Amino acid sequence: MKKGTSFGAPTLVETELAELVAELVPCVEKVRMVNSGTEAGMSVIRLARGYTRRDKII
């Protein structure tokens, strides 16, 4: 994962899975592994806020 950000120490299996996902889905540039649906939802909200430059989302 050349230019990604790591929030923990990924295992070999996680790295291989991320590379496989990026290979199989052409529009995927980065993969982030999370531990729960809540964490995934929070990540999506933060991404949407950063992309739109808005503080509030519906």
N, C-alpha and C. Protein backbone atom coordinates (compact mmCIF):
# COMPACT_ATOMS: atom_id res chain seq x y z
N MET A 1 0.85 -1.15 0.00
CA MET A 1 0.00 0.00 0.00
C MET A 1 0.91 1.23 0.00
N LYS A 2 1.23 1.68 -1.15
CA LYS A 2 2.27 2.70 -1.32
C LYS A 2 1.97 4.04 -0.66
N LYS A 3 0.84 4.64 -0.94
CA LYS A 3 0.60 6.00 -0.46
C LYS A 3 -0.62 6.07 0.45
N GLY A 4 -0.92 4.99 1.14
CA GLY A 4 -2.09 4.97 2.02
C GLY A 4 -1.75 5.38 3.44
N THR A 5 -2.78 5.46 4.24
CA THR A 5 -2.62 5.78 5.65
C THR A 5 -3.01 4.57 6.46
N SER A 6 -2.23 4.24 7.43
CA SER A 6 -2.53 3.09 8.27
C SER A 6 -2.86 3.57 9.67
N PHE A 7 -4.02 3.15 10.19
CA PHE A 7 -4.44 3.52 11.53
C PHE A 7 -4.11 2.40 12.52
N GLY A 8 -3.45 1.38 12.07
CA GLY A 8 -3.05 0.27 12.92
C GLY A 8 -2.03 -0.55 12.16
N ALA A 9 -1.66 -1.66 12.72
CA ALA A 9 -0.70 -2.53 12.05
C ALA A 9 -1.46 -3.60 11.27
N PRO A 10 -1.56 -3.45 9.95
CA PRO A 10 -2.31 -4.43 9.16
C PRO A 10 -1.57 -5.77 9.11
N THR A 11 -2.36 -6.82 9.09
CA THR A 11 -1.78 -8.15 8.95
C THR A 11 -1.53 -8.43 7.48
N LEU A 12 -0.79 -9.47 7.20
CA LEU A 12 -0.52 -9.86 5.81
C LEU A 12 -1.83 -10.16 5.08
N VAL A 13 -2.76 -10.83 5.75
CA VAL A 13 -4.04 -11.18 5.13
C VAL A 13 -4.83 -9.92 4.78
N GLU A 14 -4.84 -8.93 5.67
CA GLU A 14 -5.55 -7.68 5.39
C GLU A 14 -4.94 -6.96 4.19
N THR A 15 -3.64 -6.94 4.12
CA THR A 15 -2.96 -6.30 3.00
C THR A 15 -3.28 -7.01 1.69
N GLU A 16 -3.25 -8.33 1.71
CA GLU A 16 -3.56 -9.10 0.50
C GLU A 16 -5.01 -8.89 0.09
N LEU A 17 -5.93 -8.86 1.06
CA LEU A 17 -7.34 -8.64 0.75
C LEU A 17 -7.55 -7.25 0.15
N ALA A 18 -6.92 -6.23 0.71
CA ALA A 18 -7.04 -4.87 0.19
C ALA A 18 -6.53 -4.79 -1.24
N GLU A 19 -5.42 -5.42 -1.51
CA GLU A 19 -4.87 -5.42 -2.87
C GLU A 19 -5.80 -6.15 -3.84
N LEU A 20 -6.41 -7.25 -3.39
CA LEU A 20 -7.35 -8.00 -4.23
C LEU A 20 -8.59 -7.17 -4.52
N VAL A 21 -9.13 -6.50 -3.52
CA VAL A 21 -10.30 -5.64 -3.72
C VAL A 21 -9.98 -4.54 -4.73
N ALA A 22 -8.84 -3.89 -4.57
CA ALA A 22 -8.44 -2.83 -5.49
C ALA A 22 -8.23 -3.35 -6.91
N GLU A 23 -7.79 -4.58 -7.02
CA GLU A 23 -7.58 -5.19 -8.34
C GLU A 23 -8.90 -5.56 -9.00
N LEU A 24 -9.85 -6.08 -8.23
CA LEU A 24 -11.11 -6.57 -8.78
C LEU A 24 -12.13 -5.46 -9.04
N VAL A 25 -12.03 -4.36 -8.31
CA VAL A 25 -12.96 -3.25 -8.48
C VAL A 25 -12.17 -2.05 -9.00
N PRO A 26 -12.23 -1.80 -10.30
CA PRO A 26 -11.38 -0.79 -10.94
C PRO A 26 -11.48 0.61 -10.35
N CYS A 27 -12.65 1.00 -9.84
CA CYS A 27 -12.80 2.37 -9.31
C CYS A 27 -12.25 2.53 -7.89
N VAL A 28 -11.85 1.44 -7.25
CA VAL A 28 -11.33 1.51 -5.88
C VAL A 28 -9.86 1.91 -5.91
N GLU A 29 -9.56 3.01 -5.23
CA GLU A 29 -8.18 3.48 -5.15
C GLU A 29 -7.56 3.16 -3.80
N LYS A 30 -8.38 3.16 -2.75
CA LYS A 30 -7.89 2.89 -1.40
C LYS A 30 -8.89 2.01 -0.67
N VAL A 31 -8.38 1.21 0.24
CA VAL A 31 -9.23 0.33 1.05
C VAL A 31 -8.91 0.61 2.51
N ARG A 32 -9.96 0.73 3.32
CA ARG A 32 -9.76 0.92 4.76
C ARG A 32 -10.51 -0.19 5.49
N MET A 33 -9.79 -0.93 6.31
CA MET A 33 -10.39 -1.99 7.11
C MET A 33 -10.89 -1.39 8.43
N VAL A 34 -12.11 -1.74 8.81
CA VAL A 34 -12.68 -1.28 10.08
C VAL A 34 -13.20 -2.48 10.85
N ASN A 35 -13.49 -2.27 12.12
CA ASN A 35 -13.90 -3.38 12.99
C ASN A 35 -15.40 -3.52 13.16
N SER A 36 -16.16 -2.50 12.77
CA SER A 36 -17.60 -2.57 13.00
C SER A 36 -18.34 -1.71 11.99
N GLY A 37 -19.64 -1.93 11.93
CA GLY A 37 -20.48 -1.10 11.08
C GLY A 37 -20.52 0.34 11.54
N THR A 38 -20.45 0.53 12.86
CA THR A 38 -20.43 1.88 13.41
C THR A 38 -19.19 2.63 12.94
N GLU A 39 -18.06 1.97 13.02
CA GLU A 39 -16.81 2.58 12.58
C GLU A 39 -16.85 2.89 11.08
N ALA A 40 -17.43 1.99 10.31
CA ALA A 40 -17.55 2.22 8.87
C ALA A 40 -18.46 3.42 8.59
N GLY A 41 -19.59 3.49 9.31
CA GLY A 41 -20.50 4.61 9.14
C GLY A 41 -19.87 5.94 9.50
N MET A 42 -19.12 5.95 10.60
CA MET A 42 -18.43 7.18 11.01
C MET A 42 -17.40 7.60 9.97
N SER A 43 -16.73 6.62 9.38
CA SER A 43 -15.74 6.93 8.33
C SER A 43 -16.41 7.53 7.10
N VAL A 44 -17.56 6.98 6.73
CA VAL A 44 -18.29 7.49 5.56
C VAL A 44 -18.76 8.92 5.81
N ILE A 45 -19.26 9.18 7.01
CA ILE A 45 -19.71 10.53 7.34
C ILE A 45 -18.55 11.51 7.27
N ARG A 46 -17.42 11.13 7.83
CA ARG A 46 -16.24 12.02 7.81
C ARG A 46 -15.78 12.26 6.37
N LEU A 47 -15.79 11.21 5.56
CA LEU A 47 -15.41 11.34 4.16
C LEU A 47 -16.36 12.28 3.42
N ALA A 48 -17.66 12.11 3.64
CA ALA A 48 -18.66 12.96 2.98
C ALA A 48 -18.50 14.42 3.40
N ARG A 49 -18.25 14.65 4.69
CA ARG A 49 -18.06 16.02 5.17
C ARG A 49 -16.82 16.65 4.55
N GLY A 50 -15.75 15.89 4.43
CA GLY A 50 -14.53 16.41 3.83
C GLY A 50 -14.69 16.67 2.35
N TYR A 51 -15.37 15.77 1.66
CA TYR A 51 -15.55 15.90 0.21
C TYR A 51 -16.43 17.10 -0.14
N THR A 52 -17.53 17.26 0.61
CA THR A 52 -18.47 18.34 0.31
C THR A 52 -18.11 19.65 0.98
N ARG A 53 -17.17 19.59 1.94
CA ARG A 53 -16.78 20.76 2.74
C ARG A 53 -17.96 21.35 3.50
N ARG A 54 -18.85 20.47 3.91
CA ARG A 54 -20.01 20.88 4.72
C ARG A 54 -19.94 20.18 6.07
N ASP A 55 -20.43 20.87 7.09
CA ASP A 55 -20.42 20.27 8.42
C ASP A 55 -21.63 19.40 8.68
N LYS A 56 -22.75 19.72 8.04
CA LYS A 56 -23.99 19.00 8.29
C LYS A 56 -24.33 18.11 7.10
N ILE A 57 -24.80 16.91 7.41
CA ILE A 57 -25.26 16.00 6.36
C ILE A 57 -26.63 15.47 6.76
N ILE A 58 -27.38 15.00 5.80
CA ILE A 58 -28.70 14.43 6.07
C ILE A 58 -28.66 12.95 5.78
